[in-house]
Amino acid sequence: MFAQSERVRRWVARNGYHLVALFQDTAGTRRNLDGLRALIGVASRGQADLVVLPGLAALSPDKVIQELMLRRLRSEGLAVASTEEPDHADLSEPAVDPARMLIRDILHRADEFNALLASAEAAPALTVARPVPVIAPDRSEADADVLIEFVEIIRAANAS
């Protein structure tokens, strides 16, 4: 860990930044991620703009976990840099690595789904009532395997 922190200190000094704090999650505390939580706290208070990693592997050896953590850091308004030159392409937007492209796409779609679900849960309660009478179509040209039934949607009495 000392070597990693020294790489970060040198990178910060060389690039003209001011080091606010160093955060680390040791192997014994990896489960509760106290260092990451402290970093997010500093970011949420607007006390940092950039996170400098000693390397992406410092987050996790797993690309999915890396992307989840990067996404969270970026959602807090933080830019992310690495002292390791090969990581620069992996941190780029849009992603260059096909695996990272896929992971980011899946995360984006999961966010869209969660937003859709949240908006559906926030919508007033609806109940399905009696079927609306429909005039039978001319079956001479219609697909007999398809049955469409229209229903009238009525707002529940307790919805405002």
N, C-alpha and C. Protein backbone atom coordinates (compact mmCIF):
# COMPACT_ATOMS: atom_id res chain seq x y z
N MET A 1 0.82 -1.20 0.00
CA MET A 1 0.00 0.00 0.00
C MET A 1 0.86 1.26 0.00
N PHE A 2 2.02 1.19 0.64
CA PHE A 2 2.89 2.36 0.68
C PHE A 2 3.33 2.74 -0.73
N ALA A 3 3.70 1.74 -1.53
CA ALA A 3 4.15 2.02 -2.90
C ALA A 3 3.01 2.64 -3.72
N GLN A 4 1.79 2.16 -3.52
CA GLN A 4 0.65 2.73 -4.24
C GLN A 4 0.42 4.18 -3.84
N SER A 5 0.47 4.47 -2.56
CA SER A 5 0.24 5.85 -2.11
C SER A 5 1.36 6.77 -2.61
N GLU A 6 2.56 6.28 -2.69
CA GLU A 6 3.67 7.09 -3.22
C GLU A 6 3.48 7.38 -4.71
N ARG A 7 3.01 6.39 -5.47
CA ARG A 7 2.72 6.63 -6.89
C ARG A 7 1.67 7.72 -7.06
N VAL A 8 0.64 7.65 -6.21
CA VAL A 8 -0.43 8.66 -6.27
C VAL A 8 0.14 10.03 -5.90
N ARG A 9 0.92 10.12 -4.84
CA ARG A 9 1.51 11.40 -4.42
C ARG A 9 2.38 12.00 -5.53
N ARG A 10 3.20 11.18 -6.16
CA ARG A 10 4.06 11.68 -7.25
C ARG A 10 3.22 12.15 -8.44
N TRP A 11 2.18 11.38 -8.80
CA TRP A 11 1.32 11.75 -9.92
C TRP A 11 0.64 13.09 -9.64
N VAL A 12 0.12 13.26 -8.42
CA VAL A 12 -0.56 14.50 -8.04
C VAL A 12 0.40 15.68 -8.11
N ALA A 13 1.60 15.53 -7.56
CA ALA A 13 2.59 16.61 -7.58
C ALA A 13 3.01 16.93 -9.01
N ARG A 14 3.26 15.91 -9.82
CA ARG A 14 3.72 16.10 -11.20
C ARG A 14 2.66 16.79 -12.07
N ASN A 15 1.40 16.55 -11.77
CA ASN A 15 0.32 17.11 -12.58
C ASN A 15 -0.32 18.37 -11.99
N GLY A 16 0.26 18.88 -10.90
CA GLY A 16 -0.17 20.16 -10.34
C GLY A 16 -1.48 20.15 -9.57
N TYR A 17 -1.83 19.02 -9.00
CA TYR A 17 -3.05 18.94 -8.19
C TYR A 17 -2.71 19.06 -6.71
N HIS A 18 -3.71 19.26 -5.90
CA HIS A 18 -3.57 19.31 -4.45
C HIS A 18 -4.19 18.04 -3.87
N LEU A 19 -3.42 17.28 -3.12
CA LEU A 19 -3.91 16.04 -2.52
C LEU A 19 -4.77 16.37 -1.30
N VAL A 20 -6.02 15.96 -1.33
CA VAL A 20 -6.95 16.21 -0.23
C VAL A 20 -6.83 15.12 0.82
N ALA A 21 -6.85 13.86 0.39
CA ALA A 21 -6.79 12.74 1.33
C ALA A 21 -6.45 11.47 0.57
N LEU A 22 -5.98 10.49 1.29
CA LEU A 22 -5.75 9.15 0.75
C LEU A 22 -6.75 8.21 1.41
N PHE A 23 -7.38 7.39 0.60
CA PHE A 23 -8.34 6.41 1.10
C PHE A 23 -7.90 5.03 0.65
N GLN A 24 -7.98 4.09 1.57
CA GLN A 24 -7.59 2.72 1.24
C GLN A 24 -8.56 1.74 1.88
N ASP A 25 -8.82 0.68 1.15
CA ASP A 25 -9.54 -0.46 1.70
C ASP A 25 -8.55 -1.61 1.72
N THR A 26 -8.23 -2.07 2.90
CA THR A 26 -7.30 -3.19 3.00
C THR A 26 -8.05 -4.48 2.79
N ALA A 27 -7.32 -5.54 2.57
CA ALA A 27 -7.94 -6.84 2.31
C ALA A 27 -8.90 -7.23 3.43
N GLY A 28 -8.57 -6.90 4.66
CA GLY A 28 -9.43 -7.25 5.79
C GLY A 28 -10.72 -6.43 5.85
N THR A 29 -10.71 -5.23 5.24
CA THR A 29 -11.90 -4.38 5.28
C THR A 29 -12.58 -4.30 3.92
N ARG A 30 -12.18 -5.12 2.98
CA ARG A 30 -12.72 -5.06 1.61
C ARG A 30 -14.23 -5.28 1.60
N ARG A 31 -14.74 -5.99 2.56
CA ARG A 31 -16.18 -6.29 2.56
C ARG A 31 -17.03 -5.06 2.86
N ASN A 32 -16.57 -4.18 3.75
CA ASN A 32 -17.41 -3.03 4.08
C ASN A 32 -16.97 -1.75 3.34
N LEU A 33 -15.86 -1.78 2.66
CA LEU A 33 -15.39 -0.68 1.82
C LEU A 33 -15.41 0.67 2.54
N ASP A 34 -14.85 0.72 3.74
CA ASP A 34 -14.82 1.96 4.50
C ASP A 34 -14.08 3.07 3.76
N GLY A 35 -13.00 2.74 3.07
CA GLY A 35 -12.25 3.74 2.33
C GLY A 35 -13.08 4.33 1.20
N LEU A 36 -13.77 3.48 0.45
CA LEU A 36 -14.62 3.95 -0.64
C LEU A 36 -15.75 4.81 -0.09
N ARG A 37 -16.35 4.40 1.00
CA ARG A 37 -17.43 5.19 1.60
C ARG A 37 -16.95 6.56 2.07
N ALA A 38 -15.75 6.59 2.65
CA ALA A 38 -15.19 7.87 3.08
C ALA A 38 -14.94 8.77 1.87
N LEU A 39 -14.42 8.20 0.80
CA LEU A 39 -14.18 8.95 -0.44
C LEU A 39 -15.49 9.51 -0.98
N ILE A 40 -16.53 8.71 -1.01
CA ILE A 40 -17.84 9.16 -1.50
C ILE A 40 -18.37 10.28 -0.61
N GLY A 41 -18.12 10.19 0.69
CA GLY A 41 -18.53 11.26 1.61
C GLY A 41 -17.83 12.57 1.30
N VAL A 42 -16.53 12.51 1.03
CA VAL A 42 -15.77 13.72 0.67
C VAL A 42 -16.31 14.29 -0.64
N ALA A 43 -16.58 13.42 -1.60
CA ALA A 43 -17.09 13.87 -2.90
C ALA A 43 -18.48 14.49 -2.76
N SER A 44 -19.34 13.88 -1.95
CA SER A 44 -20.71 14.39 -1.81
C SER A 44 -20.73 15.76 -1.14
N ARG A 45 -19.70 16.07 -0.37
CA ARG A 45 -19.60 17.40 0.26
C ARG A 45 -18.89 18.40 -0.65
N GLY A 46 -18.52 17.96 -1.86
CA GLY A 46 -17.88 18.86 -2.82
C GLY A 46 -16.43 19.18 -2.49
N GLN A 47 -15.78 18.33 -1.73
CA GLN A 47 -14.41 18.60 -1.30
C GLN A 47 -13.36 18.00 -2.23
N ALA A 48 -13.78 17.34 -3.29
CA ALA A 48 -12.83 16.75 -4.24
C ALA A 48 -13.47 16.73 -5.62
N ASP A 49 -12.63 16.82 -6.64
CA ASP A 49 -13.09 16.79 -8.03
C ASP A 49 -12.53 15.61 -8.79
N LEU A 50 -11.45 15.04 -8.28
CA LEU A 50 -10.72 14.01 -9.01
C LEU A 50 -10.26 12.92 -8.06
N VAL A 51 -10.39 11.68 -8.51
CA VAL A 51 -9.85 10.53 -7.79
C VAL A 51 -8.68 10.02 -8.61
N VAL A 52 -7.54 9.84 -7.97
CA VAL A 52 -6.37 9.29 -8.63
C VAL A 52 -6.14 7.90 -8.06
N LEU A 53 -6.21 6.92 -8.95
CA LEU A 53 -6.00 5.53 -8.55
C LEU A 53 -4.57 5.13 -8.86
N PRO A 54 -3.99 4.27 -8.03
CA PRO A 54 -2.67 3.75 -8.36
C PRO A 54 -2.74 2.78 -9.54
N GLY A 55 -3.94 2.37 -9.88
CA GLY A 55 -4.22 1.46 -10.99
C GLY A 55 -5.64 0.94 -10.81
N LEU A 56 -6.28 0.58 -11.91
CA LEU A 56 -7.65 0.06 -11.82
C LEU A 56 -7.73 -1.20 -10.97
N ALA A 57 -6.69 -1.97 -10.97
CA ALA A 57 -6.69 -3.20 -10.17
C ALA A 57 -6.80 -2.90 -8.68
N ALA A 58 -6.48 -1.66 -8.28
CA ALA A 58 -6.63 -1.29 -6.87
C ALA A 58 -8.10 -1.28 -6.47
N LEU A 59 -9.00 -1.04 -7.43
CA LEU A 59 -10.43 -1.11 -7.14
C LEU A 59 -10.87 -2.55 -6.97
N SER A 60 -10.48 -3.36 -7.96
CA SER A 60 -10.84 -4.77 -7.98
C SER A 60 -10.16 -5.41 -9.17
N PRO A 61 -9.85 -6.70 -9.10
CA PRO A 61 -9.33 -7.36 -10.30
C PRO A 61 -10.42 -7.65 -11.33
N ASP A 62 -11.68 -7.53 -10.92
CA ASP A 62 -12.83 -7.86 -11.76
C ASP A 62 -13.31 -6.61 -12.50
N LYS A 63 -13.43 -6.68 -13.84
CA LYS A 63 -13.85 -5.53 -14.64
C LYS A 63 -15.26 -5.07 -14.31
N VAL A 64 -16.15 -5.99 -14.00
CA VAL A 64 -17.52 -5.60 -13.67
C VAL A 64 -17.53 -4.77 -12.39
N ILE A 65 -16.82 -5.24 -11.37
CA ILE A 65 -16.75 -4.50 -10.11
C ILE A 65 -16.07 -3.15 -10.33
N GLN A 66 -15.01 -3.13 -11.14
CA GLN A 66 -14.35 -1.86 -11.46
C GLN A 66 -15.33 -0.88 -12.07
N GLU A 67 -16.10 -1.34 -13.05
CA GLU A 67 -17.05 -0.46 -13.73
C GLU A 67 -18.16 0.01 -12.79
N LEU A 68 -18.61 -0.86 -11.89
CA LEU A 68 -19.61 -0.44 -10.91
C LEU A 68 -19.04 0.66 -10.00
N MET A 69 -17.81 0.47 -9.56
CA MET A 69 -17.19 1.46 -8.68
C MET A 69 -16.93 2.76 -9.43
N LEU A 70 -16.44 2.67 -10.66
CA LEU A 70 -16.19 3.86 -11.47
C LEU A 70 -17.49 4.62 -11.70
N ARG A 71 -18.55 3.89 -11.99
CA ARG A 71 -19.85 4.51 -12.22
C ARG A 71 -20.31 5.27 -10.99
N ARG A 72 -20.12 4.67 -9.82
CA ARG A 72 -20.52 5.33 -8.56
C ARG A 72 -19.69 6.58 -8.33
N LEU A 73 -18.38 6.49 -8.54
CA LEU A 73 -17.52 7.66 -8.35
C LEU A 73 -17.93 8.79 -9.30
N ARG A 74 -18.16 8.44 -10.55
CA ARG A 74 -18.56 9.45 -11.53
C ARG A 74 -19.92 10.04 -11.21
N SER A 75 -20.82 9.22 -10.65
CA SER A 75 -22.14 9.74 -10.28
C SER A 75 -22.04 10.77 -9.16
N GLU A 76 -20.95 10.75 -8.42
CA GLU A 76 -20.70 11.73 -7.37
C GLU A 76 -20.02 12.98 -7.92
N GLY A 77 -19.84 13.02 -9.25
CA GLY A 77 -19.22 14.19 -9.88
C GLY A 77 -17.71 14.15 -9.92
N LEU A 78 -17.14 13.00 -9.66
CA LEU A 78 -15.68 12.87 -9.65
C LEU A 78 -15.15 12.42 -11.01
N ALA A 79 -14.07 13.04 -11.42
CA ALA A 79 -13.31 12.53 -12.55
C ALA A 79 -12.38 11.46 -11.98
N VAL A 80 -11.98 10.51 -12.80
CA VAL A 80 -11.13 9.42 -12.32
C VAL A 80 -9.90 9.33 -13.22
N ALA A 81 -8.73 9.25 -12.59
CA ALA A 81 -7.47 9.10 -13.30
C ALA A 81 -6.69 7.95 -12.68
N SER A 82 -5.73 7.46 -13.43
CA SER A 82 -4.88 6.37 -12.93
C SER A 82 -3.41 6.74 -13.17
N THR A 83 -2.57 6.29 -12.25
CA THR A 83 -1.13 6.51 -12.43
C THR A 83 -0.56 5.55 -13.46
N GLU A 84 -1.30 4.51 -13.81
CA GLU A 84 -0.85 3.50 -14.76
C GLU A 84 -1.29 3.87 -16.18
N GLU A 85 -0.34 4.04 -17.07
CA GLU A 85 -0.61 4.41 -18.46
C GLU A 85 -1.59 3.46 -19.17
N PRO A 86 -1.46 2.13 -19.02
CA PRO A 86 -2.41 1.24 -19.71
C PRO A 86 -3.87 1.42 -19.26
N ASP A 87 -4.10 1.96 -18.08
CA ASP A 87 -5.46 2.16 -17.60
C ASP A 87 -6.16 3.33 -18.28
N HIS A 88 -5.41 4.23 -18.88
CA HIS A 88 -6.02 5.43 -19.46
C HIS A 88 -7.06 5.09 -20.51
N ALA A 89 -6.79 4.11 -21.35
CA ALA A 89 -7.77 3.70 -22.37
C ALA A 89 -9.00 3.08 -21.70
N ASP A 90 -8.81 2.35 -20.60
CA ASP A 90 -9.94 1.72 -19.91
C ASP A 90 -10.82 2.75 -19.19
N LEU A 91 -10.26 3.90 -18.88
CA LEU A 91 -11.03 4.95 -18.22
C LEU A 91 -11.71 5.89 -19.21
N SER A 92 -11.39 5.75 -20.47
CA SER A 92 -11.91 6.68 -21.48
C SER A 92 -13.42 6.55 -21.66
N GLU A 93 -14.01 7.65 -22.08
CA GLU A 93 -15.44 7.69 -22.43
C GLU A 93 -15.53 8.11 -23.88
N PRO A 94 -16.11 7.38 -24.75
CA PRO A 94 -16.68 6.05 -24.53
C PRO A 94 -15.59 5.00 -24.38
N ALA A 95 -15.98 3.88 -23.89
CA ALA A 95 -15.04 2.78 -23.64
C ALA A 95 -14.45 2.28 -24.96
N VAL A 96 -13.21 1.86 -24.89
CA VAL A 96 -12.52 1.29 -26.05
C VAL A 96 -12.56 -0.23 -25.99
N ASP A 97 -12.37 -0.77 -24.79
CA ASP A 97 -12.37 -2.21 -24.56
C ASP A 97 -13.79 -2.76 -24.77
N PRO A 98 -13.96 -3.75 -25.65
CA PRO A 98 -15.30 -4.30 -25.90
C PRO A 98 -15.99 -4.82 -24.64
N ALA A 99 -15.25 -5.42 -23.74
CA ALA A 99 -15.86 -5.92 -22.50
C ALA A 99 -16.40 -4.76 -21.67
N ARG A 100 -15.64 -3.68 -21.57
CA ARG A 100 -16.09 -2.52 -20.81
C ARG A 100 -17.27 -1.85 -21.51
N MET A 101 -17.28 -1.85 -22.83
CA MET A 101 -18.41 -1.30 -23.58
C MET A 101 -19.68 -2.06 -23.21
N LEU A 102 -19.58 -3.39 -23.19
CA LEU A 102 -20.73 -4.22 -22.85
C LEU A 102 -21.18 -3.98 -21.42
N ILE A 103 -20.24 -3.95 -20.49
CA ILE A 103 -20.57 -3.74 -19.08
C ILE A 103 -21.27 -2.39 -18.90
N ARG A 104 -20.72 -1.34 -19.51
CA ARG A 104 -21.33 -0.01 -19.38
C ARG A 104 -22.71 0.03 -20.01
N ASP A 105 -22.88 -0.66 -21.13
CA ASP A 105 -24.19 -0.70 -21.77
C ASP A 105 -25.20 -1.40 -20.87
N ILE A 106 -24.81 -2.51 -20.28
CA ILE A 106 -25.71 -3.23 -19.38
C ILE A 106 -26.06 -2.37 -18.16
N LEU A 107 -25.07 -1.69 -17.60
CA LEU A 107 -25.34 -0.83 -16.44
C LEU A 107 -26.27 0.31 -16.83
N HIS A 108 -26.07 0.87 -18.00
CA HIS A 108 -26.94 1.95 -18.48
C HIS A 108 -28.38 1.45 -18.65
N ARG A 109 -28.52 0.27 -19.23
CA ARG A 109 -29.85 -0.30 -19.42
C ARG A 109 -30.51 -0.65 -18.08
N ALA A 110 -29.71 -1.11 -17.13
CA ALA A 110 -30.25 -1.40 -15.80
C ALA A 110 -30.73 -0.11 -15.14
N ASP A 111 -29.99 0.99 -15.32
CA ASP A 111 -30.43 2.29 -14.79
C ASP A 111 -31.74 2.72 -15.43
N GLU A 112 -31.85 2.55 -16.75
CA GLU A 112 -33.08 2.91 -17.45
C GLU A 112 -34.26 2.09 -16.94
N PHE A 113 -34.03 0.80 -16.76
CA PHE A 113 -35.09 -0.07 -16.26
C PHE A 113 -35.50 0.34 -14.85
N ASN A 114 -34.53 0.61 -13.99
CA ASN A 114 -34.85 1.01 -12.61
C ASN A 114 -35.61 2.33 -12.58
N ALA A 115 -35.25 3.26 -13.47
CA ALA A 115 -35.98 4.53 -13.55
C ALA A 115 -37.41 4.30 -14.01
N LEU A 116 -37.57 3.43 -15.00
CA LEU A 116 -38.90 3.11 -15.50
C LEU A 116 -39.73 2.45 -14.40
N LEU A 117 -39.13 1.53 -13.69
CA LEU A 117 -39.82 0.85 -12.60
C LEU A 117 -40.20 1.84 -11.49
N ALA A 118 -39.29 2.74 -11.17
CA ALA A 118 -39.58 3.73 -10.12
C ALA A 118 -40.71 4.65 -10.54
N SER A 119 -40.74 5.05 -11.82
CA SER A 119 -41.82 5.92 -12.28
C SER A 119 -43.15 5.16 -12.30
N ALA A 120 -43.11 3.87 -12.60
CA ALA A 120 -44.33 3.07 -12.59
C ALA A 120 -44.85 2.90 -11.16
N GLU A 121 -43.94 2.74 -10.21
CA GLU A 121 -44.34 2.60 -8.82
C GLU A 121 -44.89 3.90 -8.26
N ALA A 122 -44.43 5.03 -8.79
CA ALA A 122 -44.88 6.33 -8.32
C ALA A 122 -46.20 6.74 -8.95
N ALA A 123 -46.60 6.07 -10.03
CA ALA A 123 -47.84 6.41 -10.72
C ALA A 123 -49.04 6.04 -9.85
N PRO A 124 -50.16 6.74 -10.04
CA PRO A 124 -51.35 6.40 -9.27
C PRO A 124 -51.77 4.95 -9.52
N ALA A 125 -52.36 4.34 -8.51
CA ALA A 125 -52.81 2.95 -8.63
C ALA A 125 -53.89 2.84 -9.69
N LEU A 126 -53.79 1.84 -10.52
CA LEU A 126 -54.79 1.59 -11.56
C LEU A 126 -55.39 0.21 -11.35
N THR A 127 -56.65 0.11 -11.67
CA THR A 127 -57.29 -1.21 -11.64
C THR A 127 -57.90 -1.47 -13.00
N VAL A 128 -57.91 -2.71 -13.38
CA VAL A 128 -58.51 -3.08 -14.66
C VAL A 128 -59.96 -3.44 -14.39
N ALA A 129 -60.85 -2.81 -15.14
CA ALA A 129 -62.28 -3.03 -14.94
C ALA A 129 -62.84 -3.89 -16.06
N ARG A 130 -64.10 -3.72 -16.29
CA ARG A 130 -64.83 -4.53 -17.26
C ARG A 130 -64.26 -4.36 -18.67
N PRO A 131 -64.34 -5.40 -19.48
CA PRO A 131 -63.90 -5.28 -20.87
C PRO A 131 -64.78 -4.30 -21.63
N VAL A 132 -64.17 -3.56 -22.54
CA VAL A 132 -64.89 -2.63 -23.39
C VAL A 132 -65.45 -3.42 -24.56
N PRO A 133 -66.74 -3.23 -24.89
CA PRO A 133 -67.29 -3.98 -26.02
C PRO A 133 -66.55 -3.63 -27.32
N VAL A 134 -66.24 -4.65 -28.06
CA VAL A 134 -65.52 -4.47 -29.32
C VAL A 134 -66.32 -5.14 -30.41
N ILE A 135 -66.45 -4.47 -31.52
CA ILE A 135 -67.14 -5.06 -32.67
C ILE A 135 -66.21 -6.11 -33.26
N ALA A 136 -66.71 -7.28 -33.48
CA ALA A 136 -65.90 -8.38 -34.01
C ALA A 136 -65.37 -8.00 -35.39
N PRO A 137 -64.07 -8.20 -35.60
CA PRO A 137 -63.50 -7.86 -36.90
C PRO A 137 -63.88 -8.89 -37.95
N ASP A 138 -63.74 -8.51 -39.17
CA ASP A 138 -63.93 -9.42 -40.29
C ASP A 138 -62.76 -10.40 -40.28
N ARG A 139 -63.00 -11.66 -39.99
CA ARG A 139 -61.94 -12.67 -39.86
C ARG A 139 -61.45 -13.19 -41.21
N SER A 140 -62.00 -12.74 -42.28
CA SER A 140 -61.59 -13.26 -43.58
C SER A 140 -60.12 -12.95 -43.87
N GLU A 141 -59.63 -11.79 -43.41
CA GLU A 141 -58.23 -11.43 -43.68
C GLU A 141 -57.41 -11.37 -42.39
N ALA A 142 -58.03 -11.57 -41.25
CA ALA A 142 -57.32 -11.44 -39.98
C ALA A 142 -56.61 -12.74 -39.63
N ASP A 143 -55.58 -12.63 -38.82
CA ASP A 143 -54.84 -13.78 -38.33
C ASP A 143 -55.67 -14.41 -37.21
N ALA A 144 -56.12 -15.63 -37.41
CA ALA A 144 -56.99 -16.29 -36.44
C ALA A 144 -56.26 -16.67 -35.16
N ASP A 145 -54.92 -16.65 -35.16
CA ASP A 145 -54.16 -17.03 -33.97
C ASP A 145 -53.98 -15.87 -32.99
N VAL A 146 -54.39 -14.68 -33.38
CA VAL A 146 -54.19 -13.52 -32.54
C VAL A 146 -55.52 -13.09 -31.95
N LEU A 147 -55.56 -12.93 -30.63
CA LEU A 147 -56.75 -12.45 -29.96
C LEU A 147 -56.38 -11.18 -29.22
N ILE A 148 -57.06 -10.11 -29.51
CA ILE A 148 -56.82 -8.84 -28.83
C ILE A 148 -58.09 -8.47 -28.11
N GLU A 149 -57.96 -8.18 -26.82
CA GLU A 149 -59.11 -7.75 -26.05
C GLU A 149 -58.77 -6.41 -25.43
N PHE A 150 -59.59 -5.40 -25.69
CA PHE A 150 -59.38 -4.08 -25.13
C PHE A 150 -60.07 -4.01 -23.78
N VAL A 151 -59.40 -3.39 -22.82
CA VAL A 151 -60.00 -3.23 -21.51
C VAL A 151 -59.96 -1.75 -21.15
N GLU A 152 -60.88 -1.35 -20.35
CA GLU A 152 -60.94 0.02 -19.88
C GLU A 152 -60.20 0.09 -18.56
N ILE A 153 -59.32 1.08 -18.41
CA ILE A 153 -58.58 1.24 -17.18
C ILE A 153 -59.24 2.33 -16.35
N ILE A 154 -59.52 2.00 -15.10
CA ILE A 154 -60.19 2.94 -14.20
C ILE A 154 -59.28 3.19 -13.02
N ARG A 155 -59.11 4.45 -12.67
CA ARG A 155 -58.27 4.79 -11.51
C ARG A 155 -58.92 4.26 -10.24
N ALA A 156 -58.10 3.74 -9.36
CA ALA A 156 -58.60 3.22 -8.09
C ALA A 156 -59.19 4.37 -7.28
N ALA A 157 -60.14 4.07 -6.46
CA ALA A 157 -60.85 5.08 -5.68
C ALA A 157 -59.91 5.85 -4.75
N ASN A 158 -58.88 5.20 -4.23
CA ASN A 158 -57.99 5.86 -3.28
C ASN A 158 -56.89 6.65 -3.97
N ALA A 159 -56.80 6.60 -5.29
CA ALA A 159 -55.76 7.37 -5.99
C ALA A 159 -56.19 8.81 -6.09
N SER A 160 -55.24 9.70 -6.00
CA SER A 160 -55.58 11.13 -6.07
C SER A 160 -55.21 11.72 -7.40
